[in-house]
Protein backbone atom coordinates (compact mmCIF):
# COMPACT_ATOMS: atom_id res chain seq x y z
CA MET A 1 18.55 32.69 -40.50
CA SER A 2 15.32 31.36 -41.66
CA GLU A 3 12.20 31.86 -39.58
CA GLU A 4 11.39 28.16 -39.14
CA PRO A 5 14.36 27.51 -36.55
CA ARG A 6 13.52 30.86 -34.80
CA LYS A 7 9.97 29.80 -34.15
CA GLY A 8 10.98 26.48 -32.87
CA LEU A 9 12.65 28.19 -30.00
CA PHE A 10 9.35 29.13 -28.55
CA ARG A 11 7.58 25.88 -29.06
CA ARG A 12 6.42 24.09 -25.97
CA LYS A 13 8.12 20.84 -25.18
CA PRO A 14 5.88 17.83 -25.23
CA LYS A 15 4.98 16.50 -21.89
CA ASP A 16 6.92 13.52 -20.71
CA PRO A 17 4.37 10.81 -20.00
CA ASN A 18 6.75 9.07 -17.46
CA LYS A 19 7.25 12.19 -15.48
CA LYS A 20 5.94 11.96 -11.88
CA PRO A 21 3.23 14.49 -11.05
CA GLY A 22 4.41 17.31 -8.59
CA ARG A 23 3.16 17.55 -4.99
CA LEU A 24 0.32 19.61 -5.75
CA ALA A 25 -0.92 17.49 -8.45
CA GLN A 26 -0.57 14.32 -6.39
CA MET A 27 -2.65 16.07 -3.49
CA ARG A 28 -5.20 17.10 -6.32
CA GLN A 29 -5.36 13.44 -7.32
CA VAL A 30 -5.65 12.13 -3.83
CA TYR A 31 -8.59 14.67 -3.26
CA ASP A 32 -10.37 13.67 -6.44
CA LEU A 33 -10.12 10.02 -5.53
CA ALA A 34 -11.58 10.69 -1.96
CA ALA A 35 -14.28 13.15 -3.07
CA LYS A 36 -15.42 10.63 -5.67
CA HIS A 37 -15.96 7.92 -3.41
CA ASN A 38 -17.30 10.16 -0.38
CA LYS A 39 -19.36 13.28 -1.62
CA ALA A 40 -19.09 14.77 1.94
CA THR A 41 -15.37 14.88 1.95
CA PRO A 42 -15.14 18.71 0.94
CA TRP A 43 -17.60 19.62 3.71
CA LEU A 44 -15.78 17.46 6.28
CA LEU A 45 -12.43 18.89 5.48
CA ALA A 46 -13.86 22.47 5.65
CA ALA A 47 -15.27 21.82 9.03
CA ALA A 48 -12.20 20.51 10.32
CA ILE A 49 -10.09 23.52 9.29
CA LEU A 50 -12.63 26.11 10.10
CA GLY A 51 -13.60 24.43 13.60
CA CYS A 52 -9.90 24.50 14.77
CA THR A 53 -9.59 28.01 13.56
CA LEU A 54 -12.51 29.13 15.48
CA VAL A 55 -11.28 27.27 18.57
CA GLY A 56 -7.95 28.91 18.33
CA LEU A 57 -9.63 32.38 17.75
CA MET A 58 -11.85 31.79 20.75
CA ALA A 59 -8.93 30.71 23.04
CA GLY A 60 -6.99 33.89 21.91
CA LEU A 61 -9.96 36.15 22.83
CA VAL A 62 -10.23 34.44 26.27
CA PHE A 63 -6.59 34.23 27.08
CA GLY A 64 -5.06 36.86 24.80
CA GLY A 65 -2.65 36.63 21.74
CA ALA A 66 -5.76 36.15 19.39
CA VAL A 67 -3.55 36.50 16.19
CA PHE A 68 -1.11 33.62 17.41
CA THR A 69 -3.87 31.36 18.78
CA THR A 70 -5.87 31.83 15.45
CA ILE A 71 -2.91 30.99 13.22
CA LEU A 72 -2.18 28.03 15.51
CA GLY A 73 -5.60 26.70 15.18
CA LEU A 74 -5.52 27.10 11.37
CA MET A 75 -2.36 25.01 11.22
CA VAL A 76 -3.95 22.49 13.41
CA GLY A 77 -6.86 22.32 11.13
CA LEU A 78 -4.63 21.85 8.16
CA LEU A 79 -2.90 19.00 9.68
CA LEU A 80 -6.10 17.43 10.78
CA GLY A 81 -7.48 17.88 7.22
CA MET A 82 -4.55 16.29 5.64
CA PHE A 83 -4.88 13.30 8.05
CA MET A 84 -8.58 13.00 7.22
CA LEU A 85 -7.99 13.28 3.50
CA GLY A 86 -5.48 10.61 3.71
CA ARG A 87 -8.01 8.22 5.64
CA PHE A 88 -10.69 9.06 2.83
CA ALA A 89 -8.40 8.32 0.07
CA GLU A 90 -7.18 5.01 1.45
CA THR A 91 -10.86 3.88 1.98
CA ALA A 92 -11.65 4.87 -1.68
CA ALA A 93 -8.67 3.14 -3.08
CA PHE A 94 -9.60 -0.04 -0.99
CA ALA A 95 -13.05 0.06 -2.36
CA GLN A 96 -11.77 0.32 -5.90
CA MET A 97 -9.44 -2.62 -5.54
CA GLU A 98 -11.98 -4.84 -3.76
CA GLY A 99 -12.54 -8.16 -5.56
CA GLN A 100 -9.65 -7.53 -7.98
CA PRO A 101 -6.92 -10.36 -8.03
CA GLY A 102 -3.68 -9.16 -6.50
CA ALA A 103 -5.43 -6.54 -4.38
CA PHE A 104 -4.10 -7.81 -0.99
CA GLY A 105 -0.57 -7.85 -2.51
CA ALA A 106 -0.99 -4.15 -3.22
CA VAL A 107 -2.06 -3.48 0.34
CA LEU A 108 0.78 -5.43 1.87
CA ASN A 109 3.29 -3.58 -0.16
CA THR A 110 2.19 -0.46 1.55
CA ALA A 111 3.43 -1.82 4.86
CA ARG A 112 6.66 0.14 5.38
CA ARG A 113 8.79 0.55 8.68
CA GLY A 114 11.31 -1.89 7.33
CA TYR A 115 9.30 -4.27 5.47
CA LEU A 116 9.83 -5.30 1.94
CA MET A 117 7.42 -7.18 -0.23
CA ASP A 118 8.41 -9.37 -3.21
CA GLU A 119 7.58 -7.87 -6.54
CA LYS A 120 5.60 -11.00 -7.74
CA PRO A 121 3.55 -13.57 -5.69
CA ILE A 122 5.50 -16.56 -4.25
CA ALA A 123 2.83 -19.03 -5.11
CA ILE A 124 -0.38 -19.21 -7.23
CA ASP A 125 -2.72 -22.12 -7.48
CA PRO A 126 -3.18 -22.56 -11.44
CA LYS A 127 -6.83 -23.93 -10.96
CA SER A 128 -8.39 -21.99 -8.02
CA ARG A 129 -5.89 -18.79 -8.59
CA ASP A 130 -5.51 -18.35 -4.90
CA ILE A 131 -2.35 -16.33 -4.35
CA VAL A 132 0.30 -16.09 -1.55
CA PHE A 133 2.43 -12.83 -1.07
CA ARG A 134 5.72 -12.48 0.88
CA SER A 135 7.02 -9.55 2.77
CA THR A 136 10.04 -9.59 5.09
CA GLY A 137 10.92 -7.40 7.99
CA ARG A 138 11.88 -7.15 11.48
CA SER A 139 9.12 -9.63 12.52
CA GLY A 140 10.53 -12.21 10.17
CA VAL A 141 8.72 -13.58 7.11
CA VAL A 142 5.05 -12.64 6.48
CA LEU A 143 2.88 -14.74 4.24
CA LEU A 144 -0.40 -13.31 3.06
CA SER A 145 -2.92 -15.34 1.31
CA GLU A 146 -5.75 -14.14 -1.01
CA GLY A 147 -8.71 -16.27 -1.71
CA PRO A 148 -11.62 -18.36 0.21
CA LYS A 149 -10.55 -19.29 3.69
CA ALA A 150 -10.65 -23.15 3.49
CA ARG A 151 -9.05 -23.32 0.11
CA SER A 152 -6.21 -20.77 0.38
CA ALA A 153 -5.30 -22.21 3.79
CA LYS A 154 -3.78 -25.33 2.20
CA LEU A 155 -1.59 -23.25 -0.17
CA LEU A 156 -0.64 -20.94 2.79
CA ALA A 157 0.37 -23.89 5.02
CA LYS A 158 2.29 -25.60 2.34
CA GLU A 159 4.38 -22.14 1.79
CA LYS A 160 4.86 -21.88 5.61
CA LYS A 161 6.44 -25.38 6.04
CA ARG A 162 8.59 -24.65 2.98
CA HIS A 163 10.00 -21.45 4.46
CA GLU A 164 10.32 -23.06 7.98
CA ARG A 165 12.52 -25.66 6.29
CA ILE A 166 14.79 -23.30 4.58
CA LEU A 167 14.69 -20.69 7.45
CA PRO A 168 14.68 -22.81 10.64
CA ASN A 169 15.41 -20.00 13.02
CA VAL A 170 13.21 -17.25 11.44
CA PRO A 171 9.51 -16.57 12.51
CA VAL A 172 7.07 -17.26 9.79
CA HIS A 173 3.57 -15.61 10.11
CA THR A 174 0.69 -16.50 8.03
CA LEU A 175 -2.09 -14.11 7.37
CA GLN A 176 -5.27 -14.65 5.39
CA GLY A 177 -6.88 -12.00 3.34
CA GLY A 178 -10.60 -11.88 2.53
CA ASN A 179 -13.98 -10.94 3.90
CA GLU A 180 -14.73 -14.34 5.66
CA ASP A 181 -14.78 -14.73 9.39
CA GLY A 182 -11.10 -15.17 10.66
CA GLN A 183 -9.69 -13.40 7.49
CA LEU A 184 -8.28 -9.81 7.28
CA GLN A 185 -9.97 -7.15 5.36
CA MET A 186 -7.63 -4.76 3.14
CA LYS A 187 -7.98 -1.88 5.77
CA GLN A 188 -6.58 -4.42 8.56
CA VAL A 189 -3.39 -5.77 6.73
CA VAL A 190 -0.96 -3.09 7.36
CA SER A 191 -1.85 -2.52 11.02
CA THR A 192 -1.75 -6.11 11.86
CA VAL A 193 1.65 -6.68 10.22
CA HIS A 194 2.98 -3.62 12.12
CA LYS A 195 1.71 -5.20 15.35
CA LEU A 196 3.64 -8.39 14.88
CA PRO A 197 6.62 -8.75 17.43
CA ARG A 198 9.97 -7.79 16.43
CA LYS A 199 12.45 -10.63 16.55
CA LEU A 200 15.31 -9.67 13.98
CA ASN A 201 17.67 -7.00 13.98
CA ARG A 202 18.53 -5.11 10.61
CA ALA A 203 21.65 -7.45 9.83
CA GLU A 204 19.31 -10.43 10.14
CA VAL A 205 16.57 -9.07 8.06
CA LEU A 206 19.13 -8.38 5.27
CA ALA A 207 20.52 -11.98 5.71
CA VAL A 208 16.90 -13.25 5.32
CA ARG A 209 16.18 -11.40 2.28
CA ASN A 210 19.55 -12.43 0.64
CA ARG A 211 18.85 -16.09 1.43
CA LEU A 212 15.40 -15.83 -0.08
CA SER A 213 16.75 -13.95 -3.10
CA ALA A 214 19.41 -16.61 -3.70
CA LEU A 215 16.82 -19.38 -3.41
CA GLY A 216 14.56 -17.69 -6.08
CA THR A 217 17.46 -17.35 -8.60
CA GLN A 218 18.42 -21.09 -7.95
CA GLY A 219 14.98 -22.21 -9.09
CA SER A 220 13.94 -23.30 -5.61
CA ARG A 221 10.73 -21.30 -5.77
CA PRO A 222 7.81 -23.03 -7.23
CA PRO A 223 6.81 -22.17 -10.63
CA ILE A 224 4.73 -19.05 -10.71
CA PRO A 225 2.89 -17.85 -14.03
CA LYS A 226 4.39 -14.64 -15.08
CA GLY A 227 2.43 -11.47 -15.52
CA ILE A 228 1.00 -10.55 -12.35
CA ASP A 229 1.83 -7.29 -10.77
CA PRO A 230 0.43 -6.85 -7.23
CA ASN A 231 0.99 -3.13 -7.27
CA LYS A 232 -1.58 -2.78 -10.27
CA ALA A 233 -3.66 -5.71 -8.94
CA ARG A 234 -4.30 -6.97 -12.51
CA PRO A 235 -3.16 -10.39 -13.57
CA ASN A 236 -2.28 -11.57 -16.96
CA HIS A 237 -4.96 -14.13 -17.36
CA LYS A 238 -3.33 -16.00 -20.39
CA ALA A 239 -0.18 -16.31 -18.37
CA MET A 240 -2.20 -17.86 -15.51
CA ARG A 241 -3.76 -20.40 -18.00
CA GLY A 242 -0.27 -21.37 -18.96
CA ARG A 243 -0.62 -20.09 -22.41
């Protein structure tokens, strides 16, 4: 046997670029994002963990069982630190997306608890580039616009009428995303959606989604330029210009 094949057995396999990072790698990315946006992140996390640990230790010294209470305080501190890190990372992510087309769609896509957002915007004004996103869930249909308040309101009202016509017994909620008075900021979108009253059961939600999917495949949906990915919040400008 030649030496070449034998050496090949010990060669490192090339990394798969499509492979998702592990849990520790993901946490590291979240921490780096939060720390980059907020320089005080490591100090605040350390204060939360050490503070809870010290409280546990002091409680143990007073009431007994110092080892148990110290470990309990450490665990509580770690949970508090994870919660704080998630909040810091969310704030940093919103700051990075601020002003990018499709940013509100990316935020709406994080509203889980039975909600499912369409992969692409359901309506785009080719001139103003105002966008309307749609998500369906227990509260019914949620339409979220992105653009100046007065201008995007017309496109949003048009889409609401269209949905009320094809889904007469389903609640249709309209929200406006932006920084003007009466609009929702990105950090308010998910909490506002989750507060909407639940009117549909799971079977009805599934029927609504199937109805909307069928209408989309039949061409009832208005023409939308291709190329916008709300998750990446980066539009294809050539497609939006109709080229």
